[in-house]
């Protein structure tokens, strides 16, 4: 088989879904392992791929293997599979904090490894992923991995020293955005809007604003200024946000996030 997943949770499912939807690979070319019978059943029913409870089976049958378990399980999983990994196989990781040097030490030898950091919007085809290959990965092999990653959003190759910043600016940031949407909706509800409608207005405003940044190429500050009319409602709202430390709170939250990533 062409592709394997050790762990079939939400992120693995988003990747599988993107690959299958884009026609990059057929379900019959993908295998996934999960210690949970319920997880295996869900994955088989949702994506139609081959499933197993045996991690080593995935390694032995797949050309490219995604390690899609939580970071705390990496040492145990790598210890289990390292003897079965071949020198020609590609290993792709999605765990924060697990550096290429650490991974090499865990496997105990030189292998082809691509470290990545996707985020949960991959589940709706709008993910943002950073990728960092080690020196053993060829340009053609990296292109193959990027094709997979681009099937559920956008990908950029970054230097490894930026990966902790990536965790804070995209890997974890959907949570900050969801929190903001929830707060915006709460305020709208306080103003009399029905809850479901408030979420729609808030979420669409965030979606549209992000699209403006990406598609106009304008600086976010310039776009902000376009909304802030003299003596108007928006500039007053911005004044209050600045007074309450909105910008600083965001920066400090992201710094704390990156610091935890470095320690994982």
Protein backbone atom coordinates (compact mmCIF):
# COMPACT_ATOMS: atom_id res chain seq x y z
CA UNK A 1 0.00 0.00 0.00
CA UNK A 2 1.11 3.57 -0.62
CA UNK A 3 0.15 5.24 2.64
CA UNK A 4 -0.19 4.24 6.29
CA UNK A 5 -1.39 5.93 9.45
CA UNK A 6 -0.45 4.92 12.97
CA UNK A 7 -3.36 6.47 14.81
CA UNK A 8 -6.66 7.27 13.08
CA UNK A 9 -7.96 10.21 15.11
CA UNK A 10 -9.29 13.57 13.89
CA UNK A 11 -6.12 14.80 12.22
CA UNK A 12 -5.42 11.48 10.51
CA UNK A 13 -9.03 11.43 9.35
CA UNK A 14 -8.71 14.93 7.90
CA UNK A 15 -5.63 13.87 5.95
CA UNK A 16 -7.26 10.67 4.70
CA UNK A 17 -10.38 12.56 3.69
CA UNK A 18 -8.41 15.13 1.72
CA UNK A 19 -6.34 12.51 -0.06
CA UNK A 20 -9.37 10.46 -1.06
CA UNK A 21 -11.50 13.47 -2.04
CA UNK A 22 -8.75 14.87 -4.28
CA UNK A 23 -8.18 11.47 -5.87
CA UNK A 24 -4.53 11.38 -4.86
CA UNK A 25 -4.99 7.85 -3.60
CA UNK A 26 -7.81 5.34 -3.45
CA UNK A 27 -9.03 3.96 -0.10
CA UNK A 28 -7.60 0.58 -1.12
CA UNK A 29 -4.12 2.14 -1.11
CA UNK A 30 -4.34 3.33 2.50
CA UNK A 31 -3.97 1.42 5.76
CA UNK A 32 -4.43 2.68 9.31
CA UNK A 33 -3.92 1.27 12.78
CA UNK A 34 -5.79 2.09 15.96
CA UNK A 35 -5.72 0.46 19.38
CA UNK A 36 -9.45 1.17 19.72
CA UNK A 37 -11.91 -1.17 18.03
CA UNK A 38 -14.40 1.69 17.87
CA UNK A 39 -11.78 3.85 16.19
CA UNK A 40 -11.05 1.16 13.63
CA UNK A 41 -14.73 0.66 12.89
CA UNK A 42 -15.31 4.40 12.50
CA UNK A 43 -12.35 4.78 10.16
CA UNK A 44 -13.34 1.79 8.02
CA UNK A 45 -16.94 3.02 7.70
CA UNK A 46 -16.01 6.65 7.04
CA UNK A 47 -13.09 6.28 4.63
CA UNK A 48 -13.25 2.68 3.42
CA UNK A 49 -9.56 2.04 4.08
CA UNK A 50 -7.94 -1.10 5.45
CA UNK A 51 -7.62 -1.01 9.25
CA UNK A 52 -5.67 -3.03 11.78
CA UNK A 53 -4.73 -2.94 15.44
CA UNK A 54 -1.10 -3.77 14.58
CA UNK A 55 1.21 -0.76 14.14
CA UNK A 56 3.98 -2.92 12.72
CA UNK A 57 1.64 -4.19 10.01
CA UNK A 58 1.13 -0.60 8.85
CA UNK A 59 4.89 -0.06 8.60
CA UNK A 60 5.44 -3.28 6.70
CA UNK A 61 2.69 -2.56 4.17
CA UNK A 62 2.98 1.20 3.54
CA UNK A 63 5.55 3.20 1.57
CA UNK A 64 4.86 6.42 3.50
CA UNK A 65 3.84 6.29 7.18
CA UNK A 66 2.23 9.09 9.17
CA UNK A 67 2.83 8.94 12.92
CA UNK A 68 -0.51 10.45 13.89
CA UNK A 69 -0.64 9.63 17.60
CA UNK A 70 -0.34 12.16 20.42
CA UNK A 71 3.19 13.35 21.27
CA UNK A 72 3.31 11.47 24.58
CA UNK A 73 2.88 8.18 22.73
CA UNK A 74 5.72 8.73 20.27
CA UNK A 75 8.47 7.02 22.30
CA UNK A 76 6.44 3.82 22.81
CA UNK A 77 5.22 3.69 19.20
CA UNK A 78 8.67 4.31 17.73
CA UNK A 79 10.18 1.64 19.98
CA UNK A 80 7.56 -0.75 18.68
CA UNK A 81 7.99 -0.06 14.96
CA UNK A 82 11.62 1.03 14.49
CA UNK A 83 12.87 -2.44 13.61
CA UNK A 84 10.34 -2.71 10.79
CA UNK A 85 11.05 0.65 9.14
CA UNK A 86 13.02 0.37 5.90
CA UNK A 87 15.60 2.86 4.67
CA UNK A 88 13.50 3.70 1.62
CA UNK A 89 10.34 4.49 3.62
CA UNK A 90 9.15 7.99 4.37
CA UNK A 91 8.16 8.75 7.97
CA UNK A 92 5.94 11.81 8.44
CA UNK A 93 5.33 13.17 11.94
CA UNK A 94 2.63 15.59 13.09
CA UNK A 95 3.65 16.04 16.74
CA UNK A 96 4.76 19.38 18.22
CA UNK A 97 8.08 19.45 20.02
CA UNK A 98 9.51 16.28 18.49
CA UNK A 99 12.56 17.51 16.61
CA UNK A 100 14.31 15.76 13.74
CA UNK A 101 17.30 15.08 16.01
CA UNK A 102 15.04 13.62 18.68
CA UNK A 103 13.32 11.42 16.12
CA UNK A 104 16.67 10.21 14.76
CA UNK A 105 17.72 9.32 18.31
CA UNK A 106 14.51 7.42 18.93
CA UNK A 107 14.82 5.40 15.73
CA UNK A 108 18.54 4.92 16.35
CA UNK A 109 19.61 5.39 12.74
CA UNK A 110 19.34 7.54 9.64
CA UNK A 111 15.89 7.49 8.05
CA UNK A 112 13.83 9.67 5.72
CA UNK A 113 11.73 11.87 8.02
CA UNK A 114 9.49 14.86 7.32
CA UNK A 115 8.36 16.77 10.38
CA UNK A 116 5.03 18.55 9.90
CA UNK A 117 2.56 20.63 11.91
CA UNK A 118 -0.99 20.69 10.50
CA UNK A 119 -4.06 22.18 12.18
CA UNK A 120 -7.68 21.16 12.66
CA UNK A 121 -9.18 23.25 9.81
CA UNK A 122 -7.77 20.43 7.70
CA UNK A 123 -11.04 18.71 8.60
CA UNK A 124 -12.86 21.13 6.25
CA UNK A 125 -10.13 21.33 3.62
CA UNK A 126 -8.70 24.62 4.92
CA UNK A 127 -5.70 23.42 6.90
CA UNK A 128 -2.39 25.23 7.23
CA UNK A 129 0.63 22.95 7.51
CA UNK A 130 4.35 23.53 7.97
CA UNK A 131 6.78 20.90 6.70
CA UNK A 132 10.45 20.37 7.48
CA UNK A 133 12.36 17.45 5.90
CA UNK A 134 15.62 16.01 7.12
CA UNK A 135 18.66 15.78 4.86
CA UNK A 136 17.82 12.22 3.76
CA UNK A 137 14.59 13.24 2.00
CA UNK A 138 14.98 13.91 -1.72
CA UNK A 139 13.25 16.74 -3.56
CA UNK A 140 10.95 14.26 -5.28
CA UNK A 141 10.03 12.64 -1.96
CA UNK A 142 9.31 16.02 -0.39
CA UNK A 143 7.08 16.93 -3.34
CA UNK A 144 5.16 13.69 -2.77
CA UNK A 145 4.57 14.61 0.90
CA UNK A 146 3.56 18.16 -0.05
CA UNK A 147 1.00 16.80 -2.51
CA UNK A 148 -0.53 14.84 0.35
CA UNK A 149 -0.50 17.81 2.73
CA UNK A 150 -1.92 20.21 0.13
CA UNK A 151 -4.90 17.91 -0.35
CA UNK A 152 -6.47 19.37 2.80
CA UNK A 153 -5.27 22.97 2.70
CA UNK A 154 -2.04 24.90 2.22
CA UNK A 155 1.53 23.91 3.09
CA UNK A 156 4.79 25.79 3.41
CA UNK A 157 8.27 24.38 3.93
CA UNK A 158 9.92 26.08 6.92
CA UNK A 159 13.23 25.91 8.75
CA UNK A 160 12.99 23.67 11.78
CA UNK A 161 13.77 26.45 14.26
CA UNK A 162 10.42 28.01 13.26
CA UNK A 163 8.31 24.97 14.12
CA UNK A 164 7.48 26.12 17.66
CA UNK A 165 6.33 29.46 16.24
CA UNK A 166 4.23 27.50 13.74
CA UNK A 167 2.56 25.66 16.61
CA UNK A 168 1.50 28.98 18.15
CA UNK A 169 0.47 30.81 14.96
CA UNK A 170 -1.42 28.01 13.21
CA UNK A 171 -1.31 24.67 15.04
CA UNK A 172 -3.00 25.93 18.20
CA UNK A 173 -4.51 29.16 16.92
CA UNK A 174 -7.88 27.73 15.82
CA UNK A 175 -8.67 27.54 19.54
CA UNK A 176 -8.00 31.28 19.92
CA UNK A 177 -10.25 32.01 16.94
CA UNK A 178 -13.03 29.77 18.25
CA UNK A 179 -12.81 31.55 21.59
CA UNK A 180 -13.11 34.92 19.85
CA UNK A 181 -16.09 33.73 17.79
CA UNK A 182 -17.78 32.48 20.94
CA UNK A 183 -17.21 35.81 22.69
CA UNK A 184 -18.49 37.77 19.68
CA UNK A 185 -21.60 35.61 19.59
CA UNK A 186 -22.14 36.04 23.32
CA UNK A 187 -22.09 39.81 22.86
CA UNK A 188 -24.57 39.57 19.98
CA UNK A 189 -26.85 37.38 22.11
CA UNK A 190 -26.63 39.98 24.87
CA UNK A 191 -27.78 42.47 22.25
CA UNK A 192 -30.85 40.36 21.46
CA UNK A 193 -29.72 38.14 18.57
CA UNK A 194 -30.68 34.43 18.63
CA UNK A 195 -27.72 32.19 19.49
CA UNK A 196 -27.54 30.23 16.22
CA UNK A 197 -27.76 33.40 14.17
CA UNK A 198 -25.07 35.04 16.31
CA UNK A 199 -22.63 32.20 15.58
CA UNK A 200 -23.33 32.50 11.86
CA UNK A 201 -22.68 36.25 11.81
CA UNK A 202 -19.52 35.98 13.93
CA UNK A 203 -18.03 32.99 12.08
CA UNK A 204 -18.73 34.45 8.62
CA UNK A 205 -17.17 37.75 9.63
CA UNK A 206 -13.98 35.97 10.72
CA UNK A 207 -13.94 33.80 7.59
CA UNK A 208 -14.44 36.76 5.28
CA UNK A 209 -11.84 38.87 7.07
CA UNK A 210 -9.23 36.11 6.78
CA UNK A 211 -10.04 35.72 3.09
CA UNK A 212 -9.48 39.44 2.57
CA UNK A 213 -5.99 39.18 4.08
CA UNK A 214 -5.11 36.23 1.87
CA UNK A 215 -6.63 37.47 -1.38
CA UNK A 216 -6.02 41.24 -1.33
CA UNK A 217 -2.39 41.06 -0.19
CA UNK A 218 -3.01 44.16 1.92
CA UNK A 219 -1.48 44.55 5.38
CA UNK A 220 -3.95 43.65 8.16
CA UNK A 221 -3.47 47.14 9.60
CA UNK A 222 -4.52 48.70 6.30
CA UNK A 223 -7.61 46.51 6.15
CA UNK A 224 -8.43 47.44 9.75
CA UNK A 225 -8.12 51.14 8.90
CA UNK A 226 -10.57 50.69 6.01
CA UNK A 227 -13.27 49.68 8.53
CA UNK A 228 -12.49 52.40 11.08
CA UNK A 229 -14.41 55.53 10.02
CA UNK A 230 -13.63 58.79 11.86
CA UNK A 231 -15.57 59.02 15.14
CA UNK A 232 -17.33 55.80 14.17
CA UNK A 233 -18.43 52.63 15.91
CA UNK A 234 -15.49 50.46 14.85
CA UNK A 235 -12.69 52.72 16.05
CA UNK A 236 -14.43 52.92 19.42
CA UNK A 237 -14.50 49.12 19.61
CA UNK A 238 -10.81 49.01 18.63
CA UNK A 239 -10.03 51.58 21.34
CA UNK A 240 -11.65 49.36 23.98
CA UNK A 241 -9.82 46.25 22.72
CA UNK A 242 -6.49 48.09 22.95
CA UNK A 243 -7.40 49.42 26.40
CA UNK A 244 -8.12 45.87 27.56
CA UNK A 245 -4.81 44.58 26.19
CA UNK A 246 -6.21 42.51 23.32
CA UNK A 247 -3.06 42.67 21.19
CA UNK A 248 -0.70 42.04 24.09
CA UNK A 249 -2.83 39.17 25.41
CA UNK A 250 -2.64 37.47 22.00
CA UNK A 251 1.13 37.88 21.80
CA UNK A 252 1.66 36.58 25.33
CA UNK A 253 -0.66 33.61 24.73
CA UNK A 254 1.26 32.64 21.60
CA UNK A 255 4.61 32.99 23.38
CA UNK A 256 3.36 30.68 26.14
CA UNK A 257 2.11 28.20 23.54
CA UNK A 258 5.49 28.13 21.75
CA UNK A 259 7.32 27.65 25.04
CA UNK A 260 5.24 24.58 25.91
CA UNK A 261 5.89 23.22 22.43
CA UNK A 262 9.65 23.55 22.97
CA UNK A 263 9.38 21.48 26.16
CA UNK A 264 7.32 18.61 24.75
